[in-house]
C-alpha atoms as a PDB file:
ATOM      1  CA  UNK A   1     -78.998  15.927  92.985  1.00  0.00           C
ATOM      2  CA  UNK A   2     -75.842  14.021  92.281  1.00  0.00           C
ATOM      3  CA  UNK A   3     -75.314  10.743  94.022  1.00  0.00           C
ATOM      4  CA  UNK A   4     -72.021  10.723  95.887  1.00  0.00           C
ATOM      5  CA  UNK A   5     -71.575   6.961  95.623  1.00  0.00           C
ATOM      6  CA  UNK A   6     -68.997   7.344  92.849  1.00  0.00           C
ATOM      7  CA  UNK A   7     -67.105  10.070  94.727  1.00  0.00           C
ATOM      8  CA  UNK A   8     -64.041   8.869  96.632  1.00  0.00           C
ATOM      9  CA  UNK A   9     -64.112  11.035  99.754  1.00  0.00           C
ATOM     10  CA  UNK A  10     -60.606   9.883 100.733  1.00  0.00           C
ATOM     11  CA  UNK A  11     -59.093  11.108  97.454  1.00  0.00           C
ATOM     12  CA  UNK A  12     -61.263  14.178  96.979  1.00  0.00           C
ATOM     13  CA  UNK A  13     -59.376  17.357  96.050  1.00  0.00           C
ATOM     14  CA  UNK A  14     -60.338  20.871  97.133  1.00  0.00           C
ATOM     15  CA  UNK A  15     -61.519  21.472  93.543  1.00  0.00           C
ATOM     16  CA  UNK A  16     -63.783  18.397  93.771  1.00  0.00           C
ATOM     17  CA  UNK A  17     -65.053  19.633  97.122  1.00  0.00           C
ATOM     18  CA  UNK A  18     -65.902  23.080  95.738  1.00  0.00           C
ATOM     19  CA  UNK A  19     -67.682  21.480  92.796  1.00  0.00           C
ATOM     20  CA  UNK A  20     -69.905  19.389  95.062  1.00  0.00           C
ATOM     21  CA  UNK A  21     -70.221  21.906  97.916  1.00  0.00           C
ATOM     22  CA  UNK A  22     -73.701  23.197  96.945  1.00  0.00           C
ATOM     23  CA  UNK A  23     -74.981  19.624  96.901  1.00  0.00           C
ATOM     24  CA  UNK A  24     -73.310  18.817 100.213  1.00  0.00           C
ATOM     25  CA  UNK A  25     -75.182  21.766 101.727  1.00  0.00           C
ATOM     26  CA  UNK A  26     -78.473  20.802 100.093  1.00  0.00           C
ATOM     27  CA  UNK A  27     -78.227  17.196 101.261  1.00  0.00           C
ATOM     28  CA  UNK A  28     -77.049  18.109 104.752  1.00  0.00           C
ATOM     29  CA  UNK A  29     -79.671  20.759 105.539  1.00  0.00           C
ATOM     30  CA  UNK A  30     -76.943  23.391 105.682  1.00  0.00           C
ATOM     31  CA  UNK A  31     -74.647  21.459 108.032  1.00  0.00           C
ATOM     32  CA  UNK A  32     -71.777  20.094 105.976  1.00  0.00           C
ATOM     33  CA  UNK A  33     -69.358  20.001 108.905  1.00  0.00           C
ATOM     34  CA  UNK A  34     -71.324  17.197 110.571  1.00  0.00           C
ATOM     35  CA  UNK A  35     -71.229  14.884 107.548  1.00  0.00           C
ATOM     36  CA  UNK A  36     -69.108  11.913 108.684  1.00  0.00           C
ATOM     37  CA  UNK A  37     -67.911  11.294 105.116  1.00  0.00           C
ATOM     38  CA  UNK A  38     -66.227  14.708 105.075  1.00  0.00           C
ATOM     39  CA  UNK A  39     -64.541  14.695 108.490  1.00  0.00           C
ATOM     40  CA  UNK A  40     -61.140  13.476 107.283  1.00  0.00           C
ATOM     41  CA  UNK A  41     -61.193  15.768 104.260  1.00  0.00           C
ATOM     42  CA  UNK A  42     -62.075  18.843 106.332  1.00  0.00           C
ATOM     43  CA  UNK A  43     -59.416  17.968 108.913  1.00  0.00           C
ATOM     44  CA  UNK A  44     -56.786  17.712 106.160  1.00  0.00           C
ATOM     45  CA  UNK A  45     -57.968  20.825 104.288  1.00  0.00           C
ATOM     46  CA  UNK A  46     -58.266  23.717 106.753  1.00  0.00           C
ATOM     47  CA  UNK A  47     -59.138  26.257 104.041  1.00  0.00           C
ATOM     48  CA  UNK A  48     -62.128  24.158 102.973  1.00  0.00           C
ATOM     49  CA  UNK A  49     -63.088  23.665 106.626  1.00  0.00           C
ATOM     50  CA  UNK A  50     -62.973  27.445 107.161  1.00  0.00           C
ATOM     51  CA  UNK A  51     -65.148  27.964 104.082  1.00  0.00           C
ATOM     52  CA  UNK A  52     -67.678  25.464 105.438  1.00  0.00           C
ATOM     53  CA  UNK A  53     -67.727  27.192 108.848  1.00  0.00           C
ATOM     54  CA  UNK A  54     -68.291  30.579 107.188  1.00  0.00           C
ATOM     55  CA  UNK A  55     -71.064  29.273 104.938  1.00  0.00           C
ATOM     56  CA  UNK A  56     -72.757  27.481 107.840  1.00  0.00           C
ATOM     57  CA  UNK A  57     -72.651  30.683 109.901  1.00  0.00           C
ATOM     58  CA  UNK A  58     -74.187  32.628 107.020  1.00  0.00           C
ATOM     59  CA  UNK A  59     -76.879  29.969 106.542  1.00  0.00           C
ATOM     60  CA  UNK A  60     -77.683  29.981 110.273  1.00  0.00           C
ATOM     61  CA  UNK A  61     -77.976  33.777 110.293  1.00  0.00           C
ATOM     62  CA  UNK A  62     -80.205  33.716 107.219  1.00  0.00           C
ATOM     63  CA  UNK A  63     -82.466  31.095 108.823  1.00  0.00           C
ATOM     64  CA  UNK A  64     -82.707  33.157 111.994  1.00  0.00           C
ATOM     65  CA  UNK A  65     -84.176  36.047 109.993  1.00  0.00           C
ATOM     66  CA  UNK A  66     -87.277  33.938 109.411  1.00  0.00           C
ATOM     67  CA  UNK A  67     -87.642  32.632 112.962  1.00  0.00           C
ATOM     68  CA  UNK A  68     -89.989  34.539 115.227  1.00  0.00           C
ATOM     69  CA  UNK A  69     -88.314  36.152 118.175  1.00  0.00           C
ATOM     70  CA  UNK A  70     -89.810  37.082 121.501  1.00  0.00           C
ATOM     71  CA  UNK A  71     -88.876  40.741 121.203  1.00  0.00           C
ATOM     72  CA  UNK A  72     -90.671  41.340 117.906  1.00  0.00           C
ATOM     73  CA  UNK A  73     -94.041  42.220 119.382  1.00  0.00           C
ATOM     74  CA  UNK A  74     -94.577  44.904 121.993  1.00  0.00           C
ATOM     75  CA  UNK A  75     -95.564  43.744 125.446  1.00  0.00           C
ATOM     76  CA  UNK A  76     -99.198  43.548 126.542  1.00  0.00           C
ATOM     77  CA  UNK A  77     -98.633  46.686 128.621  1.00  0.00           C
ATOM     78  CA  UNK A  78     -97.746  48.655 125.489  1.00  0.00           C
ATOM     79  CA  UNK A  79    -100.877  47.456 123.680  1.00  0.00           C
ATOM     80  CA  UNK A  80    -102.991  48.296 126.733  1.00  0.00           C
ATOM     81  CA  UNK A  81    -101.493  51.797 126.888  1.00  0.00           C
ATOM     82  CA  UNK A  82    -102.213  52.360 123.198  1.00  0.00           C
ATOM     83  CA  UNK A  83    -105.788  51.173 123.655  1.00  0.00           C
ATOM     84  CA  UNK A  84    -106.311  53.508 126.632  1.00  0.00           C
ATOM     85  CA  UNK A  85    -104.887  56.484 124.740  1.00  0.00           C
ATOM     86  CA  UNK A  86    -107.173  55.793 121.791  1.00  0.00           C
ATOM     87  CA  UNK A  87    -110.187  55.651 124.111  1.00  0.00           C
ATOM     88  CA  UNK A  88    -109.166  59.005 125.597  1.00  0.00           C
ATOM     89  CA  UNK A  89    -108.775  60.595 122.174  1.00  0.00           C
ATOM     90  CA  UNK A  90    -105.068  61.203 122.601  1.00  0.00           C
ATOM     91  CA  UNK A  91    -102.693  60.062 119.888  1.00  0.00           C
ATOM     92  CA  UNK A  92    -100.045  57.526 120.691  1.00  0.00           C
ATOM     93  CA  UNK A  93     -97.395  60.223 120.240  1.00  0.00           C
ATOM     94  CA  UNK A  94     -98.990  62.190 123.080  1.00  0.00           C
ATOM     95  CA  UNK A  95    -100.516  64.921 120.937  1.00  0.00           C
ATOM     96  CA  UNK A  96    -104.179  65.813 121.137  1.00  0.00           C
ATOM     97  CA  UNK A  97    -106.209  64.233 118.341  1.00  0.00           C
ATOM     98  CA  UNK A  98    -108.919  66.893 118.511  1.00  0.00           C
ATOM     99  CA  UNK A  99    -109.816  68.338 115.131  1.00  0.00           C
ATOM    100  CA  UNK A 100    -108.070  71.599 114.335  1.00  0.00           C
ATOM    101  CA  UNK A 101    -110.541  74.411 113.604  1.00  0.00           C
ATOM    102  CA  UNK A 102    -110.054  75.809 110.142  1.00  0.00           C
ATOM    103  CA  UNK A 103    -110.762  79.369 109.123  1.00  0.00           C
ATOM    104  CA  UNK A 104    -111.936  80.280 105.668  1.00  0.00           C
END
């Protein structure tokens, strides 16, 4: 990672910003807009600020794909119903699981 000590944030151009943007994201855990060093630059460069907002939204959505959600697993009632149907020999789809006689 590049150290930003030599970078003059007050004189940074949009081209400089785009060059360092991946590192800003990597160092800021995906939240560039909260970096105090960039506040003035983002305020003065609305296109760059919009790009940051878009990239942060994409990063947040991507992270949410890996977070467990409460609605992923069926409720206990569903599991209980499946278990009862299996005990009764009825498939979950409601069809009879009895073997079909075959003629030769």
